[in-house]
C-alpha atoms as a PDB file:
ATOM      1  CA  MET A   1      -5.648 -34.648  65.847  1.00  0.00           C
ATOM      2  CA  GLN A   2      -7.194 -31.388  65.492  1.00  0.00           C
ATOM      3  CA  ILE A   3      -5.614 -28.104  65.243  1.00  0.00           C
ATOM      4  CA  VAL A   4      -7.238 -25.417  66.585  1.00  0.00           C
ATOM      5  CA  ARG A   5      -6.604 -21.867  65.715  1.00  0.00           C
ATOM      6  CA  PRO A   6      -7.622 -18.765  67.302  1.00  0.00           C
ATOM      7  CA  LYS A   7     -10.214 -16.908  66.253  1.00  0.00           C
ATOM      8  CA  MET A   8      -9.648 -13.448  64.638  1.00  0.00           C
ATOM      9  CA  THR A   9     -10.508 -10.396  65.858  1.00  0.00           C
ATOM     10  CA  ARG A  10     -12.719  -7.981  64.028  1.00  0.00           C
ATOM     11  CA  THR A  11      -9.985  -5.467  63.617  1.00  0.00           C
ATOM     12  CA  THR A  12      -7.685  -8.433  62.187  1.00  0.00           C
ATOM     13  CA  TYR A  13     -10.462  -9.630  59.898  1.00  0.00           C
ATOM     14  CA  GLN A  14     -10.912  -6.324  58.426  1.00  0.00           C
ATOM     15  CA  ALA A  15      -7.428  -5.599  57.711  1.00  0.00           C
ATOM     16  CA  LEU A  16      -7.267  -9.160  55.936  1.00  0.00           C
ATOM     17  CA  LYS A  17     -10.168  -8.511  54.074  1.00  0.00           C
ATOM     18  CA  ARG A  18      -9.035  -4.960  52.649  1.00  0.00           C
ATOM     19  CA  TYR A  19      -5.626  -6.675  52.224  1.00  0.00           C
ATOM     20  CA  ILE A  20      -7.328  -9.222  50.176  1.00  0.00           C
ATOM     21  CA  MET A  21      -9.655  -6.742  48.270  1.00  0.00           C
ATOM     22  CA  ARG A  22      -6.404  -4.500  47.353  1.00  0.00           C
ATOM     23  CA  GLU A  23      -4.384  -7.400  46.107  1.00  0.00           C
ATOM     24  CA  ARG A  24      -7.419  -8.408  43.539  1.00  0.00           C
ATOM     25  CA  GLU A  25      -7.838  -4.821  42.660  1.00  0.00           C
ATOM     26  CA  LYS A  26      -4.007  -4.828  41.935  1.00  0.00           C
ATOM     27  CA  LYS A  27      -4.495  -8.196  39.745  1.00  0.00           C
ATOM     28  CA  LYS A  28      -7.505  -6.440  37.901  1.00  0.00           C
ATOM     29  CA  GLN A  29      -5.587  -3.408  37.128  1.00  0.00           C
ATOM     30  CA  GLU A  30      -2.449  -5.166  36.122  1.00  0.00           C
ATOM     31  CA  GLN A  31      -4.641  -7.314  33.730  1.00  0.00           C
ATOM     32  CA  GLU A  32      -6.386  -4.605  32.152  1.00  0.00           C
ATOM     33  CA  GLN A  33      -2.648  -2.828  31.661  1.00  0.00           C
ATOM     34  CA  ASP A  34      -1.747  -5.867  30.004  1.00  0.00           C
ATOM     35  CA  LYS A  35      -4.608  -6.060  27.923  1.00  0.00           C
ATOM     36  CA  GLU A  36      -4.197  -2.637  26.680  1.00  0.00           C
ATOM     37  CA  GLN A  37      -0.367  -3.066  26.098  1.00  0.00           C
ATOM     38  CA  GLU A  38      -1.542  -6.546  24.083  1.00  0.00           C
ATOM     39  CA  ARG A  39      -3.997  -4.183  22.417  1.00  0.00           C
ATOM     40  CA  LEU A  40      -1.528  -1.255  21.551  1.00  0.00           C
ATOM     41  CA  LYS A  41       1.157  -3.961  20.553  1.00  0.00           C
ATOM     42  CA  LYS A  42      -1.327  -5.057  17.918  1.00  0.00           C
ATOM     43  CA  GLU A  43      -2.324  -1.782  16.991  1.00  0.00           C
ATOM     44  CA  ARG A  44       1.373  -0.629  15.976  1.00  0.00           C
ATOM     45  CA  GLU A  45       1.660  -4.291  14.161  1.00  0.00           C
ATOM     46  CA  LEU A  46      -0.765  -3.952  12.072  1.00  0.00           C
ATOM     47  CA  LYS A  47      -0.131  -0.031  11.397  1.00  0.00           C
ATOM     48  CA  LYS A  48       3.519  -1.300  10.509  1.00  0.00           C
ATOM     49  CA  LYS A  49       2.009  -3.842   8.267  1.00  0.00           C
ATOM     50  CA  LYS A  50      -0.357  -1.285   6.422  1.00  0.00           C
ATOM     51  CA  GLU A  51       2.421   0.920   6.266  1.00  0.00           C
ATOM     52  CA  GLN A  52       4.818  -1.837   4.567  1.00  0.00           C
ATOM     53  CA  GLU A  53       1.709  -2.618   2.016  1.00  0.00           C
ATOM     54  CA  ASP A  54       1.297   0.795   1.411  1.00  0.00           C
ATOM     55  CA  SER A  55       5.216   1.336   0.648  1.00  0.00           C
ATOM     56  CA  LEU A  56       5.043  -1.886  -1.496  1.00  0.00           C
ATOM     57  CA  SER A  57       2.056  -0.590  -3.207  1.00  0.00           C
ATOM     58  CA  LEU A  58       3.812   2.909  -3.832  1.00  0.00           C
ATOM     59  CA  GLU A  59       7.077   1.299  -5.173  1.00  0.00           C
ATOM     60  CA  GLN A  60       4.947  -0.824  -7.489  1.00  0.00           C
ATOM     61  CA  THR A  61       2.607   1.876  -8.731  1.00  0.00           C
ATOM     62  CA  LYS A  62       5.918   4.079  -9.607  1.00  0.00           C
ATOM     63  CA  GLU A  63       7.198   0.733 -11.381  1.00  0.00           C
ATOM     64  CA  GLN A  64       3.800   0.855 -13.270  1.00  0.00           C
ATOM     65  CA  ILE A  65       4.116   4.578 -14.128  1.00  0.00           C
ATOM     66  CA  PHE A  66       7.632   3.872 -15.231  1.00  0.00           C
ATOM     67  CA  GLU A  67       6.826   1.235 -17.993  1.00  0.00           C
ATOM     68  CA  LEU A  68       3.625   2.829 -19.239  1.00  0.00           C
ATOM     69  CA  GLU A  69       5.966   6.085 -19.781  1.00  0.00           C
ATOM     70  CA  GLU A  70       8.364   3.985 -21.722  1.00  0.00           C
ATOM     71  CA  LYS A  71       5.436   2.298 -23.339  1.00  0.00           C
ATOM     72  CA  LEU A  72       4.399   5.824 -24.380  1.00  0.00           C
ATOM     73  CA  LYS A  73       7.691   6.499 -25.345  1.00  0.00           C
ATOM     74  CA  SER A  74       7.907   3.886 -27.834  1.00  0.00           C
ATOM     75  CA  LEU A  75       4.475   4.201 -29.036  1.00  0.00           C
ATOM     76  CA  LYS A  76       5.262   8.156 -29.907  1.00  0.00           C
ATOM     77  CA  GLN A  77       8.489   7.215 -31.619  1.00  0.00           C
ATOM     78  CA  GLU A  78       6.384   4.236 -33.853  1.00  0.00           C
ATOM     79  CA  LYS A  79       4.281   7.050 -34.728  1.00  0.00           C
ATOM     80  CA  HIS A  80       6.414   9.272 -35.678  1.00  0.00           C
ATOM     81  CA  GLU A  81       7.993   6.614 -37.799  1.00  0.00           C
ATOM     82  CA  LEU A  82       4.626   5.615 -39.563  1.00  0.00           C
ATOM     83  CA  PHE A  83       4.123   9.510 -40.110  1.00  0.00           C
ATOM     84  CA  GLN A  84       7.213   9.836 -41.885  1.00  0.00           C
ATOM     85  CA  GLN A  85       6.399   6.663 -44.116  1.00  0.00           C
ATOM     86  CA  LEU A  86       2.998   8.353 -44.949  1.00  0.00           C
ATOM     87  CA  LYS A  87       4.740  11.528 -45.919  1.00  0.00           C
ATOM     88  CA  LYS A  88       7.181   9.687 -48.110  1.00  0.00           C
ATOM     89  CA  VAL A  89       4.403   7.533 -49.880  1.00  0.00           C
ATOM     90  CA  LEU A  90       2.288  10.818 -50.421  1.00  0.00           C
ATOM     91  CA  ASN A  91       5.062  12.541 -51.696  1.00  0.00           C
ATOM     92  CA  GLN A  92       5.995   9.651 -54.193  1.00  0.00           C
ATOM     93  CA  GLU A  93       2.042   9.630 -55.169  1.00  0.00           C
ATOM     94  CA  SER A  94       2.326  12.859 -56.062  1.00  0.00           C
ATOM     95  CA  GLU A  95       5.522  12.994 -57.875  1.00  0.00           C
ATOM     96  CA  MET A  96       3.872  10.209 -59.980  1.00  0.00           C
ATOM     97  CA  LYS A  97       0.590  12.008 -60.565  1.00  0.00           C
ATOM     98  CA  GLN A  98       3.220  14.778 -61.735  1.00  0.00           C
ATOM     99  CA  LYS A  99       5.089  12.715 -64.335  1.00  0.00           C
ATOM    100  CA  ALA A 100       2.013  11.553 -65.326  1.00  0.00           C
ATOM    101  CA  GLN A 101       0.500  14.987 -66.030  1.00  0.00           C
ATOM    102  CA  VAL A 102       3.612  15.821 -67.628  1.00  0.00           C
ATOM    103  CA  LYS A 103       3.759  12.690 -70.105  1.00  0.00           C
ATOM    104  CA  GLU A 104       0.120  13.575 -70.707  1.00  0.00           C
ATOM    105  CA  GLN A 105       0.916  17.143 -71.896  1.00  0.00           C
ATOM    106  CA  LYS A 106       3.539  16.096 -73.765  1.00  0.00           C
ATOM    107  CA  TYR A 107       1.332  13.657 -75.957  1.00  0.00           C
ATOM    108  CA  ASP A 108      -1.163  15.969 -76.321  1.00  0.00           C
END
């Protein structure tokens, strides 16, 4: 059994062709829009990730600065203490020399 369908008229054929072409164009535009939205989404994700990394880097840098400042304070304190010890030793040495000179003068 064979079904025979009537031939399309030229205007019907042209209308069907335009419809198919419009549908293809719509699908193509939708795909392009989807690709563009996907690209924008990826860009936003990358930007957000970079900002988070930068934020972490900033926090890490602040922490390092704080630690280095603490170390600097302790080193300055140590320098001060060592300088005080040096002054005491030099003072004691000076006193010993003076005492030695006084003893020499007494014996002379």
